[in-house]
C-alpha atoms as a PDB file:
ATOM      1  CA  MET A   1     161.179 160.822 -51.817  1.00  0.00           C
ATOM      2  CA  PRO A   2     164.243 160.636 -54.381  1.00  0.00           C
ATOM      3  CA  MET A   3     167.568 159.721 -52.721  1.00  0.00           C
ATOM      4  CA  THR A   4     168.598 162.557 -50.347  1.00  0.00           C
ATOM      5  CA  PRO A   5     172.295 163.040 -49.384  1.00  0.00           C
ATOM      6  CA  ALA A   6     173.261 163.274 -45.541  1.00  0.00           C
ATOM      7  CA  ALA A   7     176.095 164.050 -43.325  1.00  0.00           C
ATOM      8  CA  ASN A   8     177.382 161.793 -40.631  1.00  0.00           C
ATOM      9  CA  LEU A   9     178.421 164.323 -38.056  1.00  0.00           C
ATOM     10  CA  SER A  10     179.876 161.798 -35.926  1.00  0.00           C
ATOM     11  CA  LEU A  11     182.806 161.420 -38.744  1.00  0.00           C
ATOM     12  CA  LEU A  12     182.437 164.249 -40.994  1.00  0.00           C
ATOM     13  CA  TRP A  13     183.954 167.756 -40.212  1.00  0.00           C
ATOM     14  CA  ALA A  14     185.591 165.806 -36.788  1.00  0.00           C
ATOM     15  CA  GLU A  15     188.080 168.606 -36.455  1.00  0.00           C
ATOM     16  CA  LEU A  16     185.156 171.044 -35.597  1.00  0.00           C
ATOM     17  CA  PRO A  17     183.260 171.394 -32.197  1.00  0.00           C
ATOM     18  CA  TYR A  18     180.016 168.781 -32.222  1.00  0.00           C
ATOM     19  CA  LEU A  19     177.759 171.637 -32.571  1.00  0.00           C
ATOM     20  CA  ASP A  20     179.455 173.656 -35.474  1.00  0.00           C
ATOM     21  CA  ARG A  21     179.461 170.734 -37.471  1.00  0.00           C
ATOM     22  CA  PHE A  22     175.446 170.854 -37.990  1.00  0.00           C
ATOM     23  CA  ASP A  23     176.615 174.449 -39.398  1.00  0.00           C
ATOM     24  CA  ALA A  24     179.686 173.236 -41.688  1.00  0.00           C
ATOM     25  CA  ALA A  25     176.823 170.677 -43.178  1.00  0.00           C
ATOM     26  CA  ALA A  26     174.196 173.208 -43.981  1.00  0.00           C
ATOM     27  CA  GLU A  27     176.832 175.721 -45.396  1.00  0.00           C
ATOM     28  CA  ALA A  28     177.877 172.493 -47.588  1.00  0.00           C
ATOM     29  CA  GLY A  29     174.175 172.135 -48.721  1.00  0.00           C
ATOM     30  CA  PHE A  30     173.173 169.241 -46.621  1.00  0.00           C
ATOM     31  CA  SER A  31     169.375 169.097 -45.310  1.00  0.00           C
ATOM     32  CA  ALA A  32     170.182 165.651 -43.186  1.00  0.00           C
ATOM     33  CA  VAL A  33     172.564 164.480 -40.975  1.00  0.00           C
ATOM     34  CA  GLU A  34     173.295 161.431 -39.009  1.00  0.00           C
ATOM     35  CA  VAL A  35     174.840 161.537 -35.223  1.00  0.00           C
ATOM     36  CA  LEU A  36     176.006 158.305 -33.715  1.00  0.00           C
ATOM     37  CA  PHE A  37     175.833 158.790 -30.397  1.00  0.00           C
ATOM     38  CA  PRO A  38     174.108 162.192 -29.430  1.00  0.00           C
ATOM     39  CA  TYR A  39     173.900 161.589 -25.639  1.00  0.00           C
ATOM     40  CA  LYS A  40     177.280 163.400 -24.144  1.00  0.00           C
ATOM     41  CA  MET A  41     175.388 166.406 -25.176  1.00  0.00           C
ATOM     42  CA  PRO A  42     171.979 167.461 -23.604  1.00  0.00           C
ATOM     43  CA  ALA A  43     169.207 166.927 -26.274  1.00  0.00           C
ATOM     44  CA  LYS A  44     168.131 170.478 -26.981  1.00  0.00           C
ATOM     45  CA  GLU A  45     171.413 171.533 -27.795  1.00  0.00           C
ATOM     46  CA  THR A  46     171.656 169.181 -30.488  1.00  0.00           C
ATOM     47  CA  GLN A  47     168.108 170.343 -31.241  1.00  0.00           C
ATOM     48  CA  ARG A  48     168.945 173.782 -31.419  1.00  0.00           C
ATOM     49  CA  ALA A  49     171.716 172.811 -33.751  1.00  0.00           C
ATOM     50  CA  LEU A  50     169.148 171.328 -36.138  1.00  0.00           C
ATOM     51  CA  LEU A  51     166.483 174.277 -35.991  1.00  0.00           C
ATOM     52  CA  ARG A  52     169.140 176.728 -36.411  1.00  0.00           C
ATOM     53  CA  ASN A  53     170.187 175.203 -39.529  1.00  0.00           C
ATOM     54  CA  GLY A  54     167.290 173.932 -40.837  1.00  0.00           C
ATOM     55  CA  LEU A  55     168.768 170.312 -40.845  1.00  0.00           C
ATOM     56  CA  ASP A  56     166.598 167.041 -40.352  1.00  0.00           C
ATOM     57  CA  LEU A  57     168.227 164.487 -38.080  1.00  0.00           C
ATOM     58  CA  VAL A  58     168.118 161.098 -39.717  1.00  0.00           C
ATOM     59  CA  LEU A  59     169.379 158.491 -37.570  1.00  0.00           C
ATOM     60  CA  ILE A  60     171.024 157.655 -34.298  1.00  0.00           C
ATOM     61  CA  ASN A  61     172.437 154.409 -32.733  1.00  0.00           C
ATOM     62  CA  ALA A  62     171.379 152.880 -29.915  1.00  0.00           C
ATOM     63  CA  PRO A  63     171.750 151.803 -26.928  1.00  0.00           C
ATOM     64  CA  PRO A  64     173.577 155.125 -25.462  1.00  0.00           C
ATOM     65  CA  PRO A  65     177.134 154.316 -23.790  1.00  0.00           C
ATOM     66  CA  ASN A  66     176.715 153.718 -20.006  1.00  0.00           C
ATOM     67  CA  TYR A  67     178.764 156.303 -18.159  1.00  0.00           C
ATOM     68  CA  THR A  68     178.508 155.125 -14.856  1.00  0.00           C
ATOM     69  CA  GLY A  69     181.208 152.392 -16.237  1.00  0.00           C
ATOM     70  CA  GLY A  70     178.614 149.280 -16.882  1.00  0.00           C
ATOM     71  CA  ALA A  71     178.288 147.574 -19.997  1.00  0.00           C
ATOM     72  CA  PRO A  72     175.291 149.315 -22.076  1.00  0.00           C
ATOM     73  CA  GLY A  73     172.376 147.147 -22.808  1.00  0.00           C
ATOM     74  CA  PHE A  74     173.472 145.676 -26.246  1.00  0.00           C
ATOM     75  CA  ALA A  75     170.311 143.645 -27.824  1.00  0.00           C
ATOM     76  CA  ALA A  76     172.277 140.187 -28.140  1.00  0.00           C
ATOM     77  CA  LEU A  77     173.638 139.907 -25.021  1.00  0.00           C
ATOM     78  CA  PRO A  78     171.765 137.057 -22.749  1.00  0.00           C
ATOM     79  CA  GLY A  79     170.988 138.126 -19.555  1.00  0.00           C
ATOM     80  CA  GLY A  80     170.901 141.883 -20.502  1.00  0.00           C
ATOM     81  CA  GLU A  81     167.405 142.209 -21.403  1.00  0.00           C
ATOM     82  CA  ALA A  82     166.305 144.604 -18.545  1.00  0.00           C
ATOM     83  CA  ARG A  83     169.484 146.531 -19.041  1.00  0.00           C
ATOM     84  CA  PHE A  84     168.446 146.820 -23.055  1.00  0.00           C
ATOM     85  CA  ALA A  85     164.817 148.053 -22.424  1.00  0.00           C
ATOM     86  CA  HIS A  86     166.306 150.637 -19.573  1.00  0.00           C
ATOM     87  CA  ASP A  87     168.740 151.688 -21.995  1.00  0.00           C
ATOM     88  CA  MET A  88     166.074 152.127 -25.203  1.00  0.00           C
ATOM     89  CA  ARG A  89     164.037 154.184 -22.846  1.00  0.00           C
ATOM     90  CA  ARG A  90     166.883 156.827 -22.673  1.00  0.00           C
ATOM     91  CA  VAL A  91     166.811 156.004 -26.397  1.00  0.00           C
ATOM     92  CA  ALA A  92     163.173 157.028 -26.801  1.00  0.00           C
ATOM     93  CA  ARG A  93     163.410 160.460 -24.728  1.00  0.00           C
ATOM     94  CA  TYR A  94     166.208 161.480 -27.363  1.00  0.00           C
ATOM     95  CA  VAL A  95     164.047 160.473 -30.232  1.00  0.00           C
ATOM     96  CA  GLN A  96     161.126 162.361 -28.464  1.00  0.00           C
ATOM     97  CA  ALA A  97     163.096 165.205 -28.512  1.00  0.00           C
ATOM     98  CA  LEU A  98     165.344 165.279 -31.918  1.00  0.00           C
ATOM     99  CA  ARG A  99     162.976 163.427 -34.132  1.00  0.00           C
ATOM    100  CA  PRO A 100     165.253 160.735 -36.212  1.00  0.00           C
ATOM    101  CA  LYS A 101     163.309 158.287 -38.385  1.00  0.00           C
ATOM    102  CA  LEU A 102     165.632 155.535 -37.642  1.00  0.00           C
ATOM    103  CA  VAL A 103     167.530 154.236 -34.870  1.00  0.00           C
ATOM    104  CA  HIS A 104     170.195 151.809 -35.288  1.00  0.00           C
ATOM    105  CA  VAL A 105     170.004 149.314 -32.432  1.00  0.00           C
ATOM    106  CA  MET A 106     173.330 147.641 -31.663  1.00  0.00           C
ATOM    107  CA  ALA A 107     173.865 143.938 -31.138  1.00  0.00           C
ATOM    108  CA  GLY A 108     176.621 143.691 -29.065  1.00  0.00           C
ATOM    109  CA  GLU A 109     179.307 140.886 -28.687  1.00  0.00           C
ATOM    110  CA  ALA A 110     177.535 137.426 -28.036  1.00  0.00           C
ATOM    111  CA  GLU A 111     177.296 134.239 -30.330  1.00  0.00           C
ATOM    112  CA  GLY A 112     175.214 131.285 -30.418  1.00  0.00           C
ATOM    113  CA  VAL A 113     171.730 130.384 -30.276  1.00  0.00           C
ATOM    114  CA  ALA A 114     170.554 132.055 -27.149  1.00  0.00           C
ATOM    115  CA  ALA A 115     172.274 135.124 -28.598  1.00  0.00           C
ATOM    116  CA  THR A 116     169.782 134.952 -31.340  1.00  0.00           C
ATOM    117  CA  GLU A 117     167.022 134.364 -29.267  1.00  0.00           C
ATOM    118  CA  THR A 118     167.406 137.309 -27.253  1.00  0.00           C
ATOM    119  CA  PHE A 119     168.565 139.699 -30.320  1.00  0.00           C
ATOM    120  CA  VAL A 120     165.180 138.494 -31.897  1.00  0.00           C
ATOM    121  CA  ALA A 121     162.937 138.767 -28.478  1.00  0.00           C
ATOM    122  CA  ASN A 122     164.604 142.366 -27.670  1.00  0.00           C
ATOM    123  CA  LEU A 123     163.519 143.588 -31.134  1.00  0.00           C
ATOM    124  CA  LYS A 124     160.730 142.321 -31.235  1.00  0.00           C
ATOM    125  CA  ARG A 125     160.050 143.722 -28.132  1.00  0.00           C
ATOM    126  CA  ALA A 126     161.481 147.128 -28.960  1.00  0.00           C
ATOM    127  CA  ALA A 127     159.515 146.949 -32.070  1.00  0.00           C
ATOM    128  CA  ALA A 128     156.076 147.096 -30.626  1.00  0.00           C
ATOM    129  CA  GLU A 129     157.166 149.978 -28.099  1.00  0.00           C
ATOM    130  CA  ALA A 130     158.852 152.074 -30.586  1.00  0.00           C
ATOM    131  CA  PRO A 131     157.619 155.769 -31.450  1.00  0.00           C
ATOM    132  CA  GLU A 132     155.337 155.947 -34.245  1.00  0.00           C
ATOM    133  CA  GLY A 133     156.960 157.051 -37.633  1.00  0.00           C
ATOM    134  CA  VAL A 134     160.477 155.351 -36.274  1.00  0.00           C
ATOM    135  CA  THR A 135     162.253 152.494 -37.995  1.00  0.00           C
ATOM    136  CA  LEU A 136     164.647 150.387 -35.990  1.00  0.00           C
ATOM    137  CA  MET A 137     167.332 149.504 -38.276  1.00  0.00           C
ATOM    138  CA  ILE A 138     170.041 146.398 -38.257  1.00  0.00           C
ATOM    139  CA  GLU A 139     173.676 146.629 -39.209  1.00  0.00           C
ATOM    140  CA  PRO A 140     175.887 143.766 -39.814  1.00  0.00           C
ATOM    141  CA  LEU A 141     179.262 144.969 -39.362  1.00  0.00           C
ATOM    142  CA  SER A 142     182.828 143.382 -40.231  1.00  0.00           C
ATOM    143  CA  PRO A 143     184.792 141.080 -38.155  1.00  0.00           C
ATOM    144  CA  GLN A 144     188.107 143.124 -38.899  1.00  0.00           C
ATOM    145  CA  VAL A 145     186.788 146.159 -37.701  1.00  0.00           C
ATOM    146  CA  LYS A 146     184.350 144.442 -34.653  1.00  0.00           C
ATOM    147  CA  PRO A 147     185.905 141.534 -33.514  1.00  0.00           C
ATOM    148  CA  GLY A 148     183.065 139.292 -31.743  1.00  0.00           C
ATOM    149  CA  TYR A 149     180.014 141.106 -32.803  1.00  0.00           C
ATOM    150  CA  PHE A 150     177.232 138.863 -32.976  1.00  0.00           C
ATOM    151  CA  LEU A 151     175.673 140.353 -36.238  1.00  0.00           C
ATOM    152  CA  ASN A 152     178.371 140.002 -38.530  1.00  0.00           C
ATOM    153  CA  ASP A 153     176.492 138.907 -42.166  1.00  0.00           C
ATOM    154  CA  TYR A 154     173.845 140.366 -44.478  1.00  0.00           C
ATOM    155  CA  ALA A 155     172.497 136.665 -44.653  1.00  0.00           C
ATOM    156  CA  GLN A 156     172.347 136.437 -40.648  1.00  0.00           C
ATOM    157  CA  ALA A 157     170.547 139.996 -40.642  1.00  0.00           C
ATOM    158  CA  ALA A 158     167.743 138.903 -43.846  1.00  0.00           C
ATOM    159  CA  ASP A 159     167.182 135.439 -41.252  1.00  0.00           C
ATOM    160  CA  LEU A 160     166.910 137.741 -38.497  1.00  0.00           C
ATOM    161  CA  LEU A 161     164.488 140.529 -39.940  1.00  0.00           C
ATOM    162  CA  ALA A 162     162.416 137.432 -40.835  1.00  0.00           C
ATOM    163  CA  ALA A 163     162.299 136.005 -37.287  1.00  0.00           C
ATOM    164  CA  ILE A 164     161.551 139.687 -36.052  1.00  0.00           C
ATOM    165  CA  ASP A 165     158.610 139.866 -38.632  1.00  0.00           C
ATOM    166  CA  ALA A 166     158.114 143.420 -37.875  1.00  0.00           C
ATOM    167  CA  PRO A 167     157.206 146.560 -40.354  1.00  0.00           C
ATOM    168  CA  ASN A 168     159.497 149.181 -38.222  1.00  0.00           C
ATOM    169  CA  VAL A 169     162.744 146.738 -38.070  1.00  0.00           C
ATOM    170  CA  ALA A 170     164.663 147.120 -41.618  1.00  0.00           C
ATOM    171  CA  LEU A 171     168.184 146.612 -43.116  1.00  0.00           C
ATOM    172  CA  GLN A 172     171.475 149.558 -42.871  1.00  0.00           C
ATOM    173  CA  PHE A 173     173.522 149.173 -45.411  1.00  0.00           C
ATOM    174  CA  ASP A 174     177.003 150.396 -45.456  1.00  0.00           C
ATOM    175  CA  SER A 175     179.061 149.859 -48.306  1.00  0.00           C
ATOM    176  CA  PHE A 176     182.208 149.603 -46.082  1.00  0.00           C
ATOM    177  CA  HIS A 177     181.106 147.156 -44.102  1.00  0.00           C
ATOM    178  CA  ALA A 178     179.415 145.413 -47.033  1.00  0.00           C
ATOM    179  CA  GLN A 179     182.565 145.378 -49.048  1.00  0.00           C
ATOM    180  CA  MET A 180     185.013 144.300 -46.074  1.00  0.00           C
ATOM    181  CA  ILE A 181     182.725 141.139 -45.206  1.00  0.00           C
ATOM    182  CA  HIS A 182     181.335 139.683 -48.594  1.00  0.00           C
ATOM    183  CA  GLY A 183     184.007 141.278 -50.729  1.00  0.00           C
ATOM    184  CA  ASP A 184     181.600 143.165 -53.163  1.00  0.00           C
ATOM    185  CA  ALA A 185     179.028 145.794 -51.949  1.00  0.00           C
ATOM    186  CA  VAL A 186     177.411 146.641 -55.281  1.00  0.00           C
ATOM    187  CA  ALA A 187     176.221 142.944 -54.958  1.00  0.00           C
ATOM    188  CA  VAL A 188     175.186 142.966 -51.458  1.00  0.00           C
ATOM    189  CA  PHE A 189     173.464 145.768 -51.918  1.00  0.00           C
ATOM    190  CA  GLU A 190     171.548 144.501 -55.451  1.00  0.00           C
ATOM    191  CA  GLU A 191     170.741 140.837 -53.409  1.00  0.00           C
ATOM    192  CA  TYR A 192     169.714 142.695 -50.351  1.00  0.00           C
ATOM    193  CA  ALA A 193     167.958 145.485 -51.591  1.00  0.00           C
ATOM    194  CA  PRO A 194     164.279 144.970 -50.882  1.00  0.00           C
ATOM    195  CA  LEU A 195     165.086 145.241 -47.006  1.00  0.00           C
ATOM    196  CA  ILE A 196     167.190 148.275 -46.899  1.00  0.00           C
ATOM    197  CA  ARG A 197     165.673 151.383 -45.752  1.00  0.00           C
ATOM    198  CA  HIS A 198     169.393 153.115 -45.266  1.00  0.00           C
ATOM    199  CA  VAL A 199     172.192 153.544 -47.042  1.00  0.00           C
ATOM    200  CA  GLN A 200     176.072 154.690 -45.659  1.00  0.00           C
ATOM    201  CA  LEU A 201     179.031 155.392 -47.644  1.00  0.00           C
ATOM    202  CA  GLY A 202     182.517 154.441 -47.160  1.00  0.00           C
ATOM    203  CA  ASP A 203     185.326 153.577 -48.742  1.00  0.00           C
ATOM    204  CA  THR A 204     187.481 150.372 -47.796  1.00  0.00           C
ATOM    205  CA  PRO A 205     189.996 149.093 -46.709  1.00  0.00           C
ATOM    206  CA  ALA A 206     190.122 152.196 -44.003  1.00  0.00           C
ATOM    207  CA  ARG A 207     186.794 153.640 -44.506  1.00  0.00           C
ATOM    208  CA  GLY A 208     187.927 156.572 -46.177  1.00  0.00           C
ATOM    209  CA  ALA A 209     185.610 158.556 -48.709  1.00  0.00           C
ATOM    210  CA  PRO A 210     183.544 157.273 -51.581  1.00  0.00           C
ATOM    211  CA  GLY A 211     186.730 157.122 -54.594  1.00  0.00           C
ATOM    212  CA  THR A 212     189.748 156.392 -52.182  1.00  0.00           C
ATOM    213  CA  GLY A 213     189.687 152.320 -52.431  1.00  0.00           C
ATOM    214  CA  ASP A 214     187.974 149.169 -53.424  1.00  0.00           C
ATOM    215  CA  VAL A 215     184.136 149.928 -53.703  1.00  0.00           C
ATOM    216  CA  ASP A 216     182.782 150.584 -57.021  1.00  0.00           C
ATOM    217  CA  PHE A 217     180.797 153.127 -56.245  1.00  0.00           C
ATOM    218  CA  ASP A 218     179.823 153.796 -59.945  1.00  0.00           C
ATOM    219  CA  SER A 219     178.329 150.825 -59.757  1.00  0.00           C
ATOM    220  CA  LEU A 220     176.507 151.101 -56.654  1.00  0.00           C
ATOM    221  CA  PHE A 221     174.767 154.576 -57.063  1.00  0.00           C
ATOM    222  CA  ALA A 222     173.728 152.835 -60.625  1.00  0.00           C
ATOM    223  CA  ALA A 223     172.155 150.277 -58.713  1.00  0.00           C
ATOM    224  CA  LEU A 224     170.895 152.245 -56.261  1.00  0.00           C
ATOM    225  CA  ARG A 225     169.056 153.934 -59.190  1.00  0.00           C
ATOM    226  CA  GLU A 226     168.058 150.816 -60.473  1.00  0.00           C
ATOM    227  CA  ARG A 227     166.374 149.189 -57.819  1.00  0.00           C
ATOM    228  CA  GLY A 228     164.307 152.693 -57.112  1.00  0.00           C
ATOM    229  CA  TYR A 229     165.780 153.008 -53.452  1.00  0.00           C
ATOM    230  CA  ASP A 230     164.350 156.555 -52.314  1.00  0.00           C
ATOM    231  CA  GLY A 231     166.084 156.798 -48.670  1.00  0.00           C
ATOM    232  CA  TRP A 232     168.901 158.334 -47.656  1.00  0.00           C
ATOM    233  CA  VAL A 233     172.233 158.096 -48.653  1.00  0.00           C
ATOM    234  CA  SER A 234     174.629 158.839 -45.322  1.00  0.00           C
ATOM    235  CA  GLY A 235     178.445 159.954 -45.985  1.00  0.00           C
ATOM    236  CA  GLU A 236     180.052 157.981 -43.096  1.00  0.00           C
ATOM    237  CA  TYR A 237     183.660 157.946 -43.660  1.00  0.00           C
ATOM    238  CA  HIS A 238     187.303 159.348 -42.457  1.00  0.00           C
ATOM    239  CA  PRO A 239     187.533 162.318 -44.679  1.00  0.00           C
ATOM    240  CA  GLY A 240     191.477 162.411 -44.361  1.00  0.00           C
ATOM    241  CA  GLU A 241     191.498 165.983 -45.832  1.00  0.00           C
ATOM    242  CA  PRO A 242     188.426 168.833 -45.825  1.00  0.00           C
ATOM    243  CA  THR A 243     185.458 167.193 -45.493  1.00  0.00           C
ATOM    244  CA  GLU A 244     184.437 169.916 -48.295  1.00  0.00           C
ATOM    245  CA  GLU A 245     186.973 168.587 -50.627  1.00  0.00           C
ATOM    246  CA  THR A 246     185.614 164.779 -50.661  1.00  0.00           C
ATOM    247  CA  LEU A 247     181.629 165.126 -51.288  1.00  0.00           C
ATOM    248  CA  GLY A 248     182.019 164.458 -54.778  1.00  0.00           C
ATOM    249  CA  TRP A 249     179.902 161.877 -54.115  1.00  0.00           C
ATOM    250  CA  VAL A 250     176.571 164.213 -53.874  1.00  0.00           C
ATOM    251  CA  ALA A 251     176.483 165.050 -57.031  1.00  0.00           C
ATOM    252  CA  THR A 252     177.238 161.953 -58.593  1.00  0.00           C
ATOM    253  CA  LEU A 253     174.326 160.663 -56.287  1.00  0.00           C
ATOM    254  CA  GLY A 254     172.304 162.876 -58.650  1.00  0.00           C
ATOM    255  CA  GLU A 255     173.238 162.005 -61.774  1.00  0.00           C
END
């Protein structure tokens, strides 16, 4: 399929009530959306909003927050394997209801050999148990934004994917984090393109809309086309103004 623009409804139209954001995305011409943590709302409510607007849900994050006060089962925490497995079973129920194709599995705060071994083992197990047609995504997050986060470098992500060695585990590319970590989001995409199955857009240094900061989006979109990327490209940024006025990247993507 060609590149398809998607709207991250956790950040875009943030001034609207959650369910109204689906209507706004459809009115703006989107056919796909992503929601980072849909767990506060009963899945059926989100499902109705998707169906009402003819929208596909592209991606959700895992695990859900632990509303009882404990830490969620992040994938790289040694000793937290049982909690991680428990949380992923809850994610599976939302996946069954909402049908996202991608689930971003968050690593959590950890470091060292034990964390690496835990992350690989947890992802291997989660991949084996994932619903058919669902790809688990891993994404490096910049230390400036997430101090102490286990997965914080694209080379590290490539090594982890090689160790996990599962066809349904892949790399999530975020222009904001790539630029913050390595200083050149375009070069990062070009180097790791064979591993990438989802693209998110945000500019640096403030995760603004494309064109408001340091990322060379003209070159990035050219690289996406040249590499034959044919997945979703999701706007995941803080608009800073009415969201509709920040969507010029959608037309540029299709050029």
